[in-house]
Amino acid sequence: MHMADALLSPAVGITMWAVSGAALARCASRVRGSLQEGALPLMGVLGAFVFAVQMINFAIPGTGSSGHLAGTLFLALLMGPDAAYLALASVLVVQALFFADGGLLALGCNLFNMGFLPAFVAYPLIVKPLAEGRGGELRTVGILVGAVIGLQLGALGVVVETVLSGRADLGFKTFALAMLPIHLAIGLVEGLATWALVGFLGRLRPELLQGAGRRVSRHPAVLVAIMALVVGGAVSWYASSRPDGLEWALHRLGNPEAVGIPDRVHHGLEKVQQGAALMPDYAFRSGGESRAGTSLAGIGGGALTLVVIAGVGFALRPRRKAL
């Protein structure tokens, strides 16, 4: 669901940067106190794991499309929505800057669609009330329904932002009818995968789920780090090459090209991204796909995500007052 800059006008892109940035500032202030409880290492390894997971596109049978997990709901269940939003922001920044996955102008939209809506709408309104119920069935239903709703809201966000930008010849109804059904299927897979992963980690360390959004003093950091290495370094070899849900929807509608005169904002951000991207599309700059390149992208991207989150933690750590 990563949007490209070509779909967005500067006005919409910058507005969404401001909206998502304001949410980031709010989350940072709320997370600051929890860093003393050992949340930073958990954020780091889980962020690296989500980066690796997002590299794995799975085929949607009968459609010619593929999808990948967003991971926001998974993060929110283990860390709470504020830390989840910060961690996903780190993932998206690394993807956009170093792998040219998602545009820089579109970064605010992607963070809002993939991060804010699942973390601050689907999680508190659907998942959390059911997850706190006594029955395991309620938790399962909450995760499945929350994942579907979160993905549907995100897909609808892409539609609204694209139509408001007016750079592609797309009507709201036409684009929505192409986007929502395919992301319904992706949302179901996201829900099942989230339920399985949370259940797996919850059985190993029950305090993770008991303390989600509150205190997490201990965590399986080594285990999650190993999972990130395995997924990014090897499982990513088997990712589907089919277009993702957004690319599939645009192709189905005839690949409408951007209209209007290219502006300096798009040109400038494109140059920045081209210069910063170490491995565009998770491959060597020399071209050609290889398992070595995929592994390097998966492991290196996870490490970069860990570094970014560590930087966030350093900036947010409580300062001691001078005597």
Protein backbone atom coordinates (compact mmCIF):
# COMPACT_ATOMS: atom_id res chain seq x y z
CA MET A 1 0.00 0.00 0.00
CA HIS A 2 3.04 2.26 -0.21
CA MET A 3 2.00 5.29 -2.27
CA ALA A 4 4.30 6.85 -4.83
CA ASP A 5 4.80 10.61 -5.09
CA ALA A 6 3.31 10.64 -8.60
CA LEU A 7 -0.18 10.10 -7.16
CA LEU A 8 -0.03 13.12 -4.86
CA SER A 9 -0.13 16.88 -5.19
CA PRO A 10 2.29 18.87 -3.03
CA ALA A 11 -0.66 20.33 -1.10
CA VAL A 12 -2.03 16.92 -0.10
CA GLY A 13 1.42 15.44 0.54
CA ILE A 14 2.57 18.32 2.75
CA THR A 15 -0.75 18.39 4.63
CA MET A 16 -0.41 14.70 5.44
CA TRP A 17 3.21 15.25 6.48
CA ALA A 18 1.88 17.80 9.00
CA VAL A 19 -0.90 15.50 10.25
CA SER A 20 1.37 12.47 10.64
CA GLY A 21 4.14 14.62 12.12
CA ALA A 22 1.82 16.04 14.76
CA ALA A 23 0.79 12.50 15.69
CA LEU A 24 4.47 11.50 15.92
CA ALA A 25 5.20 14.39 18.27
CA ARG A 26 2.29 13.39 20.48
CA CYS A 27 3.41 9.75 20.54
CA ALA A 28 6.99 10.76 21.34
CA SER A 29 5.87 12.73 24.39
CA ARG A 30 3.77 9.81 25.62
CA VAL A 31 6.48 7.20 25.03
CA ARG A 32 9.25 9.20 26.72
CA GLY A 33 8.43 7.95 30.22
CA SER A 34 8.16 4.30 29.20
CA LEU A 35 11.73 4.18 27.92
CA GLN A 36 12.82 3.68 31.52
CA GLU A 37 10.85 0.44 31.56
CA GLY A 38 12.96 -1.18 28.83
CA ALA A 39 10.66 -0.38 25.91
CA LEU A 40 13.44 0.84 23.61
CA PRO A 41 15.11 -2.54 22.95
CA LEU A 42 11.68 -4.04 22.28
CA MET A 43 10.84 -1.25 19.85
CA GLY A 44 14.13 -1.78 18.05
CA VAL A 45 13.96 -5.51 17.45
CA LEU A 46 10.24 -5.48 16.67
CA GLY A 47 10.77 -2.61 14.22
CA ALA A 48 13.53 -4.61 12.51
CA PHE A 49 11.23 -7.64 12.38
CA VAL A 50 8.40 -5.63 10.80
CA PHE A 51 10.82 -4.25 8.21
CA ALA A 52 11.74 -7.82 7.27
CA VAL A 53 8.11 -8.96 7.23
CA GLN A 54 7.10 -6.13 4.91
CA MET A 55 9.59 -7.44 2.34
CA ILE A 56 7.55 -10.64 1.95
CA ASN A 57 4.76 -10.22 -0.57
CA PHE A 58 2.32 -13.14 -0.57
CA ALA A 59 0.24 -14.00 -3.64
CA ILE A 60 -3.55 -13.48 -3.53
CA PRO A 61 -4.96 -16.53 -5.36
CA GLY A 62 -7.10 -15.87 -8.40
CA THR A 63 -6.23 -12.18 -8.66
CA GLY A 64 -2.71 -11.86 -10.03
CA SER A 65 -2.00 -9.57 -7.09
CA SER A 66 0.01 -9.82 -3.91
CA GLY A 67 0.11 -8.16 -0.51
CA HIS A 68 2.34 -7.78 2.50
CA LEU A 69 1.73 -7.28 6.18
CA ALA A 70 1.75 -3.74 7.55
CA GLY A 71 2.60 -4.95 11.05
CA THR A 72 1.10 -2.00 12.93
CA LEU A 73 -1.52 -4.05 14.74
CA PHE A 74 1.13 -6.59 15.71
CA LEU A 75 3.28 -3.81 17.17
CA ALA A 76 0.34 -2.20 18.98
CA LEU A 77 -0.64 -5.46 20.67
CA LEU A 78 2.89 -5.88 22.05
CA MET A 79 3.89 -2.27 22.78
CA GLY A 80 0.79 -0.13 22.70
CA PRO A 81 -0.23 2.25 19.87
CA ASP A 82 2.19 5.09 20.63
CA ALA A 83 5.37 3.00 20.50
CA ALA A 84 3.94 1.06 17.54
CA TYR A 85 3.44 4.29 15.58
CA LEU A 86 7.00 5.44 16.29
CA ALA A 87 8.42 2.06 15.29
CA LEU A 88 6.44 1.94 12.04
CA ALA A 89 7.53 5.50 11.23
CA SER A 90 11.15 4.33 11.53
CA VAL A 91 10.44 1.42 9.17
CA LEU A 92 8.82 3.67 6.55
CA VAL A 93 11.62 6.25 6.71
CA VAL A 94 14.25 3.56 6.11
CA GLN A 95 12.21 2.07 3.27
CA ALA A 96 11.67 5.42 1.53
CA LEU A 97 15.19 6.82 1.97
CA PHE A 98 17.41 3.80 1.47
CA PHE A 99 15.31 1.46 -0.67
CA ALA A 100 13.07 3.88 -2.65
CA ASP A 101 9.99 2.01 -1.44
CA GLY A 102 7.27 4.63 -1.17
CA GLY A 103 7.76 8.28 -2.06
CA LEU A 104 9.18 10.98 0.19
CA LEU A 105 6.27 13.32 -0.51
CA ALA A 106 3.97 10.36 0.18
CA LEU A 107 5.66 9.52 3.48
CA GLY A 108 3.05 11.35 5.56
CA CYS A 109 0.22 9.61 3.68
CA ASN A 110 1.83 6.19 4.04
CA LEU A 111 2.39 6.70 7.75
CA PHE A 112 -1.19 7.85 8.26
CA ASN A 113 -2.72 5.03 6.18
CA MET A 114 -0.52 2.18 7.41
CA GLY A 115 0.23 3.45 10.91
CA PHE A 116 -2.23 5.93 12.37
CA LEU A 117 -5.46 4.28 11.25
CA PRO A 118 -4.62 0.76 12.52
CA ALA A 119 -2.92 2.02 15.71
CA PHE A 120 -5.38 4.73 16.78
CA VAL A 121 -8.65 3.62 15.21
CA ALA A 122 -8.72 -0.14 14.70
CA TYR A 123 -6.68 -1.04 17.80
CA PRO A 124 -8.43 1.01 20.52
CA LEU A 125 -11.96 0.75 19.12
CA ILE A 126 -12.02 -2.89 17.99
CA VAL A 127 -9.00 -4.94 19.00
CA LYS A 128 -8.28 -3.78 22.54
CA PRO A 129 -11.84 -4.16 23.94
CA LEU A 130 -12.08 -7.71 22.59
CA ALA A 131 -8.47 -8.65 23.36
CA GLU A 132 -9.04 -7.79 27.01
CA GLY A 133 -12.00 -10.13 27.17
CA ARG A 134 -11.69 -13.39 29.06
CA GLY A 135 -12.23 -15.69 26.10
CA GLY A 136 -9.47 -16.43 23.64
CA GLU A 137 -12.11 -16.50 20.91
CA LEU A 138 -12.86 -12.82 21.54
CA ARG A 139 -9.17 -11.93 21.17
CA THR A 140 -9.00 -13.86 17.89
CA VAL A 141 -12.11 -12.16 16.54
CA GLY A 142 -10.81 -8.75 17.62
CA ILE A 143 -7.48 -9.25 15.85
CA LEU A 144 -9.09 -10.53 12.64
CA VAL A 145 -11.75 -7.82 12.49
CA GLY A 146 -9.30 -5.10 13.54
CA ALA A 147 -6.83 -6.09 10.83
CA VAL A 148 -9.52 -6.05 8.15
CA ILE A 149 -10.93 -2.70 9.28
CA GLY A 150 -7.46 -1.19 9.56
CA LEU A 151 -6.53 -2.25 6.02
CA GLN A 152 -9.88 -1.10 4.63
CA LEU A 153 -9.46 2.32 6.23
CA GLY A 154 -5.90 2.53 4.91
CA ALA A 155 -7.01 1.62 1.39
CA LEU A 156 -9.79 4.20 1.61
CA GLY A 157 -7.19 6.75 2.73
CA VAL A 158 -5.16 6.05 -0.41
CA VAL A 159 -8.26 6.58 -2.53
CA VAL A 160 -9.20 9.89 -0.85
CA GLU A 161 -5.66 11.28 -0.98
CA THR A 162 -5.25 10.33 -4.64
CA VAL A 163 -8.59 11.77 -5.72
CA LEU A 164 -8.05 15.00 -3.76
CA SER A 165 -4.63 15.40 -5.41
CA GLY A 166 -6.17 15.27 -8.88
CA ARG A 167 -2.95 14.08 -10.50
CA ALA A 168 -4.43 10.83 -11.80
CA ASP A 169 -7.59 10.53 -13.84
CA LEU A 170 -9.46 8.48 -11.26
CA GLY A 171 -12.92 8.84 -9.81
CA PHE A 172 -13.57 8.09 -6.15
CA LYS A 173 -16.08 5.28 -6.74
CA THR A 174 -14.06 3.61 -9.49
CA PHE A 175 -10.83 3.65 -7.52
CA ALA A 176 -12.51 2.55 -4.27
CA LEU A 177 -14.16 -0.43 -5.97
CA ALA A 178 -10.73 -1.53 -7.20
CA MET A 179 -8.89 -0.94 -3.90
CA LEU A 180 -11.22 -2.12 -1.16
CA PRO A 181 -11.91 -5.73 -2.26
CA ILE A 182 -8.26 -6.62 -2.83
CA HIS A 183 -7.30 -5.14 0.53
CA LEU A 184 -10.07 -7.12 2.18
CA ALA A 185 -8.17 -10.27 1.22
CA ILE A 186 -4.87 -8.76 2.37
CA GLY A 187 -6.48 -7.72 5.65
CA LEU A 188 -7.64 -11.27 6.34
CA VAL A 189 -4.10 -12.57 5.86
CA GLU A 190 -2.77 -9.76 8.07
CA GLY A 191 -5.22 -10.72 10.78
CA LEU A 192 -4.35 -14.42 10.68
CA ALA A 193 -0.60 -13.71 10.67
CA THR A 194 -0.92 -11.22 13.52
CA TRP A 195 -2.97 -13.66 15.57
CA ALA A 196 -0.39 -16.41 14.99
CA LEU A 197 2.63 -14.23 15.79
CA VAL A 198 1.10 -12.66 18.89
CA GLY A 199 -0.03 -16.07 20.09
CA PHE A 200 3.43 -17.54 19.56
CA LEU A 201 5.20 -14.76 21.47
CA GLY A 202 2.46 -14.63 24.09
CA ARG A 203 2.90 -18.30 24.90
CA LEU A 204 6.63 -17.78 25.35
CA ARG A 205 6.37 -14.56 27.35
CA PRO A 206 2.79 -13.94 28.62
CA GLU A 207 3.83 -10.65 30.25
CA LEU A 208 4.16 -9.11 26.79
CA LEU A 209 0.42 -9.21 26.23
CA GLN A 210 -0.42 -8.47 29.83
CA GLY A 211 1.66 -5.32 29.70
CA ALA A 212 0.84 -4.07 26.21
CA GLY A 213 0.59 -0.31 26.31
CA ARG A 214 1.70 -0.16 29.95
CA ARG A 215 4.92 -1.61 31.33
CA VAL A 216 7.20 -4.08 29.59
CA SER A 217 10.19 -4.73 31.78
CA ARG A 218 11.32 -7.95 30.11
CA HIS A 219 11.10 -9.09 26.52
CA PRO A 220 12.35 -11.80 24.14
CA ALA A 221 14.67 -9.42 22.28
CA VAL A 222 17.12 -12.13 21.22
CA LEU A 223 14.34 -14.34 19.87
CA VAL A 224 12.75 -11.52 17.87
CA ALA A 225 16.16 -10.46 16.55
CA ILE A 226 16.78 -14.01 15.31
CA MET A 227 13.32 -14.03 13.71
CA ALA A 228 14.14 -10.75 11.94
CA LEU A 229 17.44 -12.14 10.63
CA VAL A 230 15.80 -15.33 9.35
CA VAL A 231 12.86 -13.55 7.71
CA GLY A 232 14.92 -10.74 6.18
CA GLY A 233 17.89 -12.89 5.23
CA ALA A 234 16.22 -16.02 3.87
CA VAL A 235 12.40 -16.09 3.89
CA SER A 236 12.39 -12.89 1.80
CA TRP A 237 13.86 -14.92 -1.10
CA TYR A 238 10.43 -16.43 -1.66
CA ALA A 239 8.42 -13.20 -1.83
CA SER A 240 5.89 -12.99 -4.66
CA SER A 241 6.85 -10.84 -7.63
CA ARG A 242 3.21 -10.03 -8.41
CA PRO A 243 2.13 -6.36 -8.08
CA ASP A 244 0.84 -5.34 -4.67
CA GLY A 245 -2.75 -4.30 -4.06
CA LEU A 246 -2.27 -0.65 -5.01
CA GLU A 247 -0.22 -1.44 -8.13
CA TRP A 248 -2.76 -4.10 -9.12
CA ALA A 249 -5.68 -1.69 -8.73
CA LEU A 250 -3.97 1.00 -10.81
CA HIS A 251 -3.09 -1.55 -13.52
CA ARG A 252 -6.68 -2.76 -13.56
CA LEU A 253 -7.82 0.82 -14.14
CA GLY A 254 -5.45 1.28 -17.06
CA ASN A 255 -2.44 2.72 -15.19
CA PRO A 256 -3.69 6.33 -15.23
CA GLU A 257 -0.67 8.59 -15.51
CA ALA A 258 -0.14 11.73 -13.51
CA VAL A 259 -1.56 14.84 -15.10
CA GLY A 260 -0.40 18.41 -14.93
CA ILE A 261 3.00 20.01 -15.21
CA PRO A 262 5.70 18.33 -13.10
CA ASP A 263 6.62 20.67 -10.26
CA ARG A 264 9.83 21.42 -8.40
CA VAL A 265 8.65 19.61 -5.30
CA HIS A 266 8.35 16.28 -7.12
CA HIS A 267 11.63 16.80 -9.00
CA GLY A 268 13.51 17.82 -5.86
CA LEU A 269 12.30 14.94 -3.72
CA GLU A 270 12.96 12.47 -6.53
CA LYS A 271 16.59 13.61 -6.70
CA VAL A 272 16.95 13.28 -2.94
CA GLN A 273 15.54 9.77 -3.01
CA GLN A 274 17.68 8.69 -5.94
CA GLY A 275 20.78 9.93 -4.19
CA ALA A 276 19.95 8.36 -0.84
CA ALA A 277 18.69 4.97 -2.04
CA LEU A 278 21.44 2.43 -1.35
CA MET A 279 19.51 -0.48 -2.84
CA PRO A 280 16.49 0.68 -4.89
CA ASP A 281 13.70 -1.91 -4.80
CA TYR A 282 15.82 -4.00 -2.40
CA ALA A 283 18.37 -4.91 -5.08
CA PHE A 284 21.90 -3.91 -6.01
CA ARG A 285 22.23 -0.71 -8.03
CA SER A 286 23.99 -2.69 -10.76
CA GLY A 287 20.64 -4.30 -11.54
CA GLY A 288 19.35 -7.83 -11.53
CA GLU A 289 17.74 -9.74 -8.70
CA SER A 290 19.81 -12.06 -6.54
CA ARG A 291 19.39 -13.80 -3.25
CA ALA A 292 22.52 -12.09 -1.96
CA GLY A 293 21.02 -8.69 -2.71
CA THR A 294 17.70 -9.61 -1.11
CA SER A 295 19.43 -10.92 2.01
CA LEU A 296 21.61 -7.84 2.28
CA ALA A 297 18.56 -5.60 1.91
CA GLY A 298 16.59 -7.56 4.51
CA ILE A 299 19.34 -7.71 7.10
CA GLY A 300 20.75 -4.25 6.36
CA GLY A 301 17.31 -2.63 6.36
CA GLY A 302 16.48 -4.24 9.69
CA ALA A 303 19.78 -2.99 11.12
CA LEU A 304 19.10 0.53 9.82
CA THR A 305 15.65 0.44 11.37
CA LEU A 306 17.21 -0.57 14.67
CA VAL A 307 19.66 2.35 14.41
CA VAL A 308 16.86 4.83 13.66
CA ILE A 309 14.82 3.62 16.64
CA ALA A 310 17.92 3.80 18.84
CA GLY A 311 18.34 7.41 17.71
CA VAL A 312 14.72 8.11 18.60
CA GLY A 313 15.29 6.55 22.01
CA PHE A 314 18.43 8.61 22.56
CA ALA A 315 16.54 11.79 21.71
CA LEU A 316 13.65 10.87 24.00
CA ARG A 317 15.55 9.48 26.94
CA PRO A 318 14.91 11.35 30.19
CA ARG A 319 17.56 13.98 30.93
CA ARG A 320 19.06 14.24 34.37
CA LYS A 321 18.73 17.66 35.88
CA ALA A 322 21.97 19.39 36.66
CA LEU A 323 22.58 19.92 40.37
